[in-house]
Amino acid sequence: MLGFMFFGMLWVFQFISDKTKYITMVSAATYYFDSNSSKDGSASVCTGFKFAYTKNIGSLAFGSLILTLVGIMRAIVEGMAE
């Protein structure tokens, strides 16, 4: 049971990290594509939250699951190599 709890904790931490990176990328993209030569654009963090929680939550969760599994396998292999 402790192993499952530890895995879940790692997954949640990876998910929060990935979600934060995604929201930052969407904010930067809205700033970039809203800018032109006459004015600076506006970075919309709310758009990043909206996209993250309504359109891409499943993709973010699945991606963080894969990264967690790869990280655990990597730690096991590195532990066995010592």
Foldseek 3Di string as FASTA:
>chain_A
DVVVVVLVVQLVVLLVVLLVVQLVVQQVVQQVVQDDPVDGGGRDSVVSVCCCPPPCVVVSSVVSNVVSVVVVVVVVVVVVVD
